[in-house]
Structures are given as C-alpha cells and as structure tokens.
Amino acid sequence: MSDEISKLPPQVQERLLRLQQLQQTLQTILQQKQQVDAEQAEIDQTLAELEKTADDAVIYKAAGALLVKADKAKVNADLTERKELLGTRVTVLARQEERMRSQLKEVQTKLQEDLNPVSAQSQQ
C-alpha cells in the first residue's frame, strides 16, 4: 500500500496525510467529549444524591486517596460550578468536532477529485 501511495503526486500524498491527521484529531475530540459527558453524568448523580440527604448529614468528599468531612452546601456549590465548566467544555468540543468534520469532508472531496483521474488512467 505504501508503494502505491508513493506513486501518487505529492499534492495527493499531502492531502492523504492531512486526512489522517484530521481523523486522529476528530477521534481525540470525540474521546474528550465522551469523558466530559461521563463526568457530567457522575456529577448529576452526585447532586441528586445530595438533594436526598438531610442538611445536617455528615458528608465526605474524596481528596486523593482520602475521604474528608465536608460541608454539604460547599460540596453542592463546588459540584454545580464544575458542572457549569463542563457544560462550557462540551460546547467548545462540539464546535471543534463540527469544524473537524467540515474540514474532513472538504479534504475527502478534494481527494476524490484528485484520485478519480488517477483511477481512470490506471484502468486504461
């Protein structure tokens, strides 16, 4: 396969490389989105559990390998703030994903235009 690629014009080789880079970047963005979504779901679940607990209940918060006593209101505020930050991060990642998909489509279209004459010539 590598031998076939080396026969292609340099501009087509560059587009193929660009396509691979865009695909890798998109994959990274999708993984980050998945991680943020998972963290948001965990925060939602934690906030729901906090709602069920009494205001005077003893709450513990993870601090590294330790669990430390924490104020319910403070934990609630921290989680809510983190959730808002994650919401912003999701918005940014969605924009990046959209941009990557657009660039991928553009490069794929140009590659098809570049490769169609090559395919036609090799069949003659």
N, C-alpha and C. Protein backbone atom coordinates (compact mmCIF):
# COMPACT_ATOMS: atom_id res chain seq x y z
N MET A 1 0.83 -1.20 0.00
CA MET A 1 0.00 0.00 0.00
C MET A 1 0.87 1.25 0.00
N SER A 2 1.93 1.24 0.81
CA SER A 2 2.83 2.39 0.88
C SER A 2 3.47 2.65 -0.47
N ASP A 3 3.76 1.59 -1.21
CA ASP A 3 4.34 1.73 -2.54
C ASP A 3 3.36 2.42 -3.48
N GLU A 4 2.08 2.09 -3.35
CA GLU A 4 1.05 2.72 -4.18
C GLU A 4 0.93 4.20 -3.86
N ILE A 5 1.02 4.54 -2.58
CA ILE A 5 0.92 5.94 -2.15
C ILE A 5 2.10 6.74 -2.69
N SER A 6 3.29 6.15 -2.70
CA SER A 6 4.47 6.88 -3.17
C SER A 6 4.39 7.19 -4.66
N LYS A 7 3.53 6.49 -5.39
CA LYS A 7 3.35 6.75 -6.83
C LYS A 7 2.41 7.93 -7.08
N LEU A 8 1.70 8.32 -6.05
CA LEU A 8 0.76 9.44 -6.20
C LEU A 8 1.52 10.77 -6.24
N PRO A 9 0.92 11.78 -6.87
CA PRO A 9 1.55 13.10 -6.89
C PRO A 9 1.71 13.63 -5.45
N PRO A 10 2.73 14.47 -5.22
CA PRO A 10 2.99 14.99 -3.86
C PRO A 10 1.79 15.69 -3.24
N GLN A 11 1.03 16.42 -4.05
CA GLN A 11 -0.13 17.14 -3.52
C GLN A 11 -1.18 16.14 -2.98
N VAL A 12 -1.35 15.01 -3.66
CA VAL A 12 -2.31 13.99 -3.21
C VAL A 12 -1.78 13.32 -1.94
N GLN A 13 -0.49 13.07 -1.90
CA GLN A 13 0.12 12.48 -0.71
C GLN A 13 -0.09 13.40 0.51
N GLU A 14 0.09 14.69 0.30
CA GLU A 14 -0.11 15.67 1.38
C GLU A 14 -1.57 15.67 1.85
N ARG A 15 -2.49 15.57 0.89
CA ARG A 15 -3.91 15.54 1.26
C ARG A 15 -4.25 14.28 2.05
N LEU A 16 -3.66 13.16 1.65
CA LEU A 16 -3.88 11.92 2.39
C LEU A 16 -3.36 12.05 3.82
N LEU A 17 -2.19 12.64 3.96
CA LEU A 17 -1.62 12.86 5.28
C LEU A 17 -2.51 13.79 6.10
N ARG A 18 -3.00 14.85 5.48
CA ARG A 18 -3.89 15.79 6.15
C ARG A 18 -5.18 15.10 6.59
N LEU A 19 -5.71 14.23 5.73
CA LEU A 19 -6.92 13.47 6.06
C LEU A 19 -6.69 12.61 7.30
N GLN A 20 -5.55 11.94 7.36
CA GLN A 20 -5.23 11.09 8.52
C GLN A 20 -5.11 11.94 9.79
N GLN A 21 -4.47 13.09 9.67
CA GLN A 21 -4.32 13.97 10.83
C GLN A 21 -5.68 14.46 11.33
N LEU A 22 -6.54 14.85 10.40
CA LEU A 22 -7.88 15.31 10.78
C LEU A 22 -8.68 14.20 11.44
N GLN A 23 -8.55 12.99 10.92
CA GLN A 23 -9.27 11.86 11.51
C GLN A 23 -8.78 11.60 12.94
N GLN A 24 -7.48 11.69 13.16
CA GLN A 24 -6.93 11.49 14.50
C GLN A 24 -7.40 12.59 15.45
N THR A 25 -7.40 13.82 14.97
CA THR A 25 -7.85 14.95 15.79
C THR A 25 -9.32 14.78 16.15
N LEU A 26 -10.13 14.39 15.18
CA LEU A 26 -11.56 14.18 15.44
C LEU A 26 -11.74 13.07 16.47
N GLN A 27 -10.97 12.02 16.36
CA GLN A 27 -11.06 10.90 17.32
C GLN A 27 -10.72 11.39 18.73
N THR A 28 -9.71 12.22 18.85
CA THR A 28 -9.32 12.77 20.15
C THR A 28 -10.44 13.64 20.73
N ILE A 29 -11.04 14.47 19.89
CA ILE A 29 -12.14 15.33 20.32
C ILE A 29 -13.31 14.48 20.81
N LEU A 30 -13.64 13.43 20.06
CA LEU A 30 -14.75 12.56 20.44
C LEU A 30 -14.48 11.85 21.77
N GLN A 31 -13.24 11.45 22.00
CA GLN A 31 -12.87 10.82 23.27
C GLN A 31 -13.01 11.82 24.42
N GLN A 32 -12.56 13.05 24.19
CA GLN A 32 -12.68 14.08 25.22
C GLN A 32 -14.15 14.36 25.54
N LYS A 33 -14.98 14.43 24.50
CA LYS A 33 -16.41 14.66 24.70
C LYS A 33 -17.02 13.54 25.53
N GLN A 34 -16.62 12.32 25.24
CA GLN A 34 -17.13 11.17 25.97
C GLN A 34 -16.73 11.24 27.45
N GLN A 35 -15.50 11.64 27.72
CA GLN A 35 -15.03 11.77 29.10
C GLN A 35 -15.80 12.86 29.83
N VAL A 36 -16.02 13.99 29.17
CA VAL A 36 -16.76 15.10 29.79
C VAL A 36 -18.20 14.68 30.05
N ASP A 37 -18.81 14.00 29.09
CA ASP A 37 -20.18 13.53 29.27
C ASP A 37 -20.29 12.58 30.47
N ALA A 38 -19.31 11.70 30.61
CA ALA A 38 -19.31 10.76 31.73
C ALA A 38 -19.16 11.50 33.06
N GLU A 39 -18.29 12.49 33.09
CA GLU A 39 -18.11 13.27 34.32
C GLU A 39 -19.37 14.05 34.65
N GLN A 40 -20.02 14.61 33.64
CA GLN A 40 -21.28 15.34 33.86
C GLN A 40 -22.35 14.41 34.44
N ALA A 41 -22.43 13.21 33.91
CA ALA A 41 -23.43 12.25 34.40
C ALA A 41 -23.15 11.89 35.86
N GLU A 42 -21.87 11.73 36.18
CA GLU A 42 -21.48 11.42 37.56
C GLU A 42 -21.84 12.58 38.50
N ILE A 43 -21.59 13.79 38.06
CA ILE A 43 -21.93 14.97 38.88
C ILE A 43 -23.44 15.06 39.07
N ASP A 44 -24.20 14.83 37.99
CA ASP A 44 -25.66 14.86 38.10
C ASP A 44 -26.16 13.84 39.13
N GLN A 45 -25.58 12.66 39.07
CA GLN A 45 -25.97 11.61 40.01
C GLN A 45 -25.60 12.00 41.45
N THR A 46 -24.44 12.57 41.62
CA THR A 46 -24.00 13.00 42.95
C THR A 46 -24.88 14.12 43.48
N LEU A 47 -25.20 15.09 42.62
CA LEU A 47 -26.08 16.18 43.05
C LEU A 47 -27.47 15.66 43.43
N ALA A 48 -27.96 14.67 42.70
CA ALA A 48 -29.27 14.08 43.00
C ALA A 48 -29.23 13.40 44.37
N GLU A 49 -28.13 12.73 44.66
CA GLU A 49 -27.99 12.07 45.97
C GLU A 49 -27.88 13.10 47.08
N LEU A 50 -27.17 14.19 46.82
CA LEU A 50 -27.05 15.26 47.82
C LEU A 50 -28.41 15.86 48.15
N GLU A 51 -29.27 15.97 47.14
CA GLU A 51 -30.61 16.51 47.35
C GLU A 51 -31.40 15.66 48.34
N LYS A 52 -31.16 14.36 48.30
CA LYS A 52 -31.89 13.42 49.15
C LYS A 52 -31.41 13.43 50.60
N THR A 53 -30.19 13.92 50.83
CA THR A 53 -29.63 13.88 52.19
C THR A 53 -30.06 15.11 52.99
N ALA A 54 -30.15 14.89 54.27
CA ALA A 54 -30.52 15.99 55.18
C ALA A 54 -29.39 17.01 55.23
N ASP A 55 -29.75 18.26 55.52
CA ASP A 55 -28.76 19.33 55.57
C ASP A 55 -27.72 19.10 56.66
N ASP A 56 -28.10 18.39 57.71
CA ASP A 56 -27.16 18.16 58.81
C ASP A 56 -26.44 16.81 58.69
N ALA A 57 -26.64 16.11 57.56
CA ALA A 57 -25.98 14.82 57.35
C ALA A 57 -24.47 15.02 57.20
N VAL A 58 -23.72 14.01 57.64
CA VAL A 58 -22.27 14.06 57.51
C VAL A 58 -21.92 13.66 56.07
N ILE A 59 -21.20 14.55 55.40
CA ILE A 59 -20.82 14.33 54.00
C ILE A 59 -19.29 14.20 53.95
N TYR A 60 -18.84 13.25 53.12
CA TYR A 60 -17.41 13.08 52.91
C TYR A 60 -17.11 13.32 51.44
N LYS A 61 -15.95 13.88 51.22
CA LYS A 61 -15.53 14.22 49.86
C LYS A 61 -14.17 13.57 49.63
N ALA A 62 -13.97 13.04 48.43
CA ALA A 62 -12.70 12.41 48.09
C ALA A 62 -11.64 13.48 47.88
N ALA A 63 -10.50 13.27 48.53
CA ALA A 63 -9.34 14.15 48.35
C ALA A 63 -8.15 13.23 48.12
N GLY A 64 -7.93 12.89 46.87
CA GLY A 64 -6.89 11.92 46.57
C GLY A 64 -7.34 10.56 47.07
N ALA A 65 -6.51 9.93 47.88
CA ALA A 65 -6.83 8.61 48.42
C ALA A 65 -7.62 8.70 49.73
N LEU A 66 -7.91 9.90 50.18
CA LEU A 66 -8.60 10.10 51.45
C LEU A 66 -10.04 10.55 51.25
N LEU A 67 -10.86 10.29 52.26
CA LEU A 67 -12.18 10.86 52.33
C LEU A 67 -12.16 11.85 53.49
N VAL A 68 -12.55 13.09 53.21
CA VAL A 68 -12.53 14.12 54.25
C VAL A 68 -13.95 14.65 54.45
N LYS A 69 -14.22 14.99 55.70
CA LYS A 69 -15.53 15.54 56.04
C LYS A 69 -15.68 16.89 55.31
N ALA A 70 -16.88 17.13 54.78
CA ALA A 70 -17.10 18.36 54.03
C ALA A 70 -18.49 18.90 54.32
N ASP A 71 -18.64 20.18 54.12
CA ASP A 71 -19.91 20.86 54.29
C ASP A 71 -20.78 20.58 53.05
N LYS A 72 -22.02 20.18 53.27
CA LYS A 72 -22.91 19.83 52.17
C LYS A 72 -23.09 20.99 51.20
N ALA A 73 -23.30 22.20 51.72
CA ALA A 73 -23.51 23.36 50.85
C ALA A 73 -22.27 23.64 50.00
N LYS A 74 -21.10 23.50 50.59
CA LYS A 74 -19.84 23.73 49.86
C LYS A 74 -19.66 22.69 48.76
N VAL A 75 -19.92 21.43 49.09
CA VAL A 75 -19.81 20.35 48.10
C VAL A 75 -20.80 20.59 46.96
N ASN A 76 -22.01 20.97 47.32
CA ASN A 76 -23.04 21.24 46.33
C ASN A 76 -22.61 22.39 45.40
N ALA A 77 -22.08 23.45 45.98
CA ALA A 77 -21.63 24.60 45.19
C ALA A 77 -20.47 24.22 44.28
N ASP A 78 -19.51 23.45 44.81
CA ASP A 78 -18.36 23.02 44.02
C ASP A 78 -18.79 22.16 42.83
N LEU A 79 -19.71 21.24 43.09
CA LEU A 79 -20.19 20.36 42.02
C LEU A 79 -20.96 21.13 40.96
N THR A 80 -21.76 22.07 41.40
CA THR A 80 -22.54 22.88 40.45
C THR A 80 -21.61 23.71 39.57
N GLU A 81 -20.57 24.28 40.19
CA GLU A 81 -19.60 25.05 39.42
C GLU A 81 -18.87 24.17 38.41
N ARG A 82 -18.48 22.98 38.85
CA ARG A 82 -17.78 22.05 37.96
C ARG A 82 -18.68 21.65 36.79
N LYS A 83 -19.96 21.45 37.09
CA LYS A 83 -20.92 21.09 36.05
C LYS A 83 -21.03 22.19 35.01
N GLU A 84 -21.04 23.44 35.45
CA GLU A 84 -21.11 24.58 34.53
C GLU A 84 -19.86 24.65 33.65
N LEU A 85 -18.70 24.42 34.26
CA LEU A 85 -17.45 24.42 33.50
C LEU A 85 -17.45 23.31 32.45
N LEU A 86 -17.95 22.15 32.84
CA LEU A 86 -18.03 21.04 31.90
C LEU A 86 -19.00 21.34 30.77
N GLY A 87 -20.07 22.05 31.08
CA GLY A 87 -21.02 22.46 30.04
C GLY A 87 -20.35 23.35 29.00
N THR A 88 -19.53 24.27 29.48
CA THR A 88 -18.77 25.14 28.57
C THR A 88 -17.81 24.30 27.73
N ARG A 89 -17.16 23.34 28.37
CA ARG A 89 -16.20 22.48 27.66
C ARG A 89 -16.91 21.66 26.58
N VAL A 90 -18.11 21.18 26.87
CA VAL A 90 -18.89 20.42 25.88
C VAL A 90 -19.19 21.30 24.67
N THR A 91 -19.55 22.56 24.93
CA THR A 91 -19.85 23.49 23.83
C THR A 91 -18.62 23.69 22.94
N VAL A 92 -17.48 23.89 23.58
CA VAL A 92 -16.22 24.09 22.82
C VAL A 92 -15.89 22.84 22.02
N LEU A 93 -16.00 21.67 22.64
CA LEU A 93 -15.70 20.42 21.94
C LEU A 93 -16.66 20.19 20.78
N ALA A 94 -17.93 20.54 20.95
CA ALA A 94 -18.91 20.38 19.88
C ALA A 94 -18.54 21.25 18.68
N ARG A 95 -18.09 22.48 18.96
CA ARG A 95 -17.66 23.37 17.87
C ARG A 95 -16.43 22.81 17.17
N GLN A 96 -15.48 22.28 17.96
CA GLN A 96 -14.28 21.69 17.37
C GLN A 96 -14.65 20.48 16.52
N GLU A 97 -15.56 19.67 17.02
CA GLU A 97 -16.00 18.48 16.28
C GLU A 97 -16.62 18.90 14.94
N GLU A 98 -17.48 19.90 14.99
CA GLU A 98 -18.14 20.39 13.78
C GLU A 98 -17.11 20.89 12.76
N ARG A 99 -16.14 21.64 13.27
CA ARG A 99 -15.08 22.17 12.40
C ARG A 99 -14.26 21.04 11.78
N MET A 100 -13.90 20.04 12.59
CA MET A 100 -13.11 18.92 12.09
C MET A 100 -13.89 18.13 11.04
N ARG A 101 -15.17 17.90 11.31
CA ARG A 101 -15.99 17.15 10.34
C ARG A 101 -16.08 17.91 9.01
N SER A 102 -16.20 19.23 9.08
CA SER A 102 -16.27 20.05 7.88
C SER A 102 -14.96 19.98 7.10
N GLN A 103 -13.85 20.10 7.82
CA GLN A 103 -12.54 20.03 7.17
C GLN A 103 -12.31 18.64 6.57
N LEU A 104 -12.73 17.61 7.30
CA LEU A 104 -12.59 16.24 6.79
C LEU A 104 -13.36 16.07 5.49
N LYS A 105 -14.58 16.56 5.47
CA LYS A 105 -15.41 16.44 4.27
C LYS A 105 -14.76 17.15 3.09
N GLU A 106 -14.21 18.35 3.37
CA GLU A 106 -13.56 19.13 2.32
C GLU A 106 -12.35 18.39 1.75
N VAL A 107 -11.52 17.84 2.63
CA VAL A 107 -10.32 17.12 2.18
C VAL A 107 -10.71 15.85 1.45
N GLN A 108 -11.73 15.15 1.93
CA GLN A 108 -12.19 13.94 1.25
C GLN A 108 -12.69 14.25 -0.16
N THR A 109 -13.42 15.34 -0.29
CA THR A 109 -13.93 15.74 -1.60
C THR A 109 -12.78 16.05 -2.56
N LYS A 110 -11.79 16.80 -2.06
CA LYS A 110 -10.62 17.13 -2.91
C LYS A 110 -9.84 15.88 -3.27
N LEU A 111 -9.72 14.96 -2.32
CA LEU A 111 -9.01 13.70 -2.60
C LEU A 111 -9.74 12.89 -3.66
N GLN A 112 -11.04 12.84 -3.57
CA GLN A 112 -11.81 12.10 -4.58
C GLN A 112 -11.62 12.72 -5.95
N GLU A 113 -11.60 14.06 -6.00
CA GLU A 113 -11.36 14.74 -7.27
C GLU A 113 -9.97 14.42 -7.79
N ASP A 114 -8.98 14.39 -6.87
CA ASP A 114 -7.61 14.08 -7.26
C ASP A 114 -7.46 12.64 -7.73
N LEU A 115 -8.13 11.71 -7.04
CA LEU A 115 -7.93 10.29 -7.31
C LEU A 115 -8.77 9.76 -8.46
N ASN A 116 -9.88 10.41 -8.78
CA ASN A 116 -10.70 9.91 -9.88
C ASN A 116 -9.94 9.89 -11.21
N PRO A 117 -9.19 10.94 -11.57
CA PRO A 117 -8.40 10.86 -12.80
C PRO A 117 -7.34 9.76 -12.72
N VAL A 118 -6.76 9.55 -11.55
CA VAL A 118 -5.74 8.50 -11.39
C VAL A 118 -6.38 7.14 -11.62
N SER A 119 -7.57 6.92 -11.07
CA SER A 119 -8.28 5.65 -11.25
C SER A 119 -8.63 5.43 -12.72
N ALA A 120 -9.08 6.49 -13.36
CA ALA A 120 -9.45 6.40 -14.77
C ALA A 120 -8.23 6.06 -15.63
N GLN A 121 -7.08 6.67 -15.33
CA GLN A 121 -5.86 6.42 -16.09
C GLN A 121 -5.37 4.98 -15.88
N SER A 122 -5.46 4.48 -14.66
CA SER A 122 -4.94 3.14 -14.39
C SER A 122 -5.81 2.06 -14.99
N GLN A 123 -7.09 2.38 -15.31
CA GLN A 123 -7.98 1.40 -15.92
C GLN A 123 -7.80 1.35 -17.43
N GLN A 124 -7.15 2.36 -18.02
CA GLN A 124 -6.99 2.40 -19.50
C GLN A 124 -5.91 1.48 -19.95
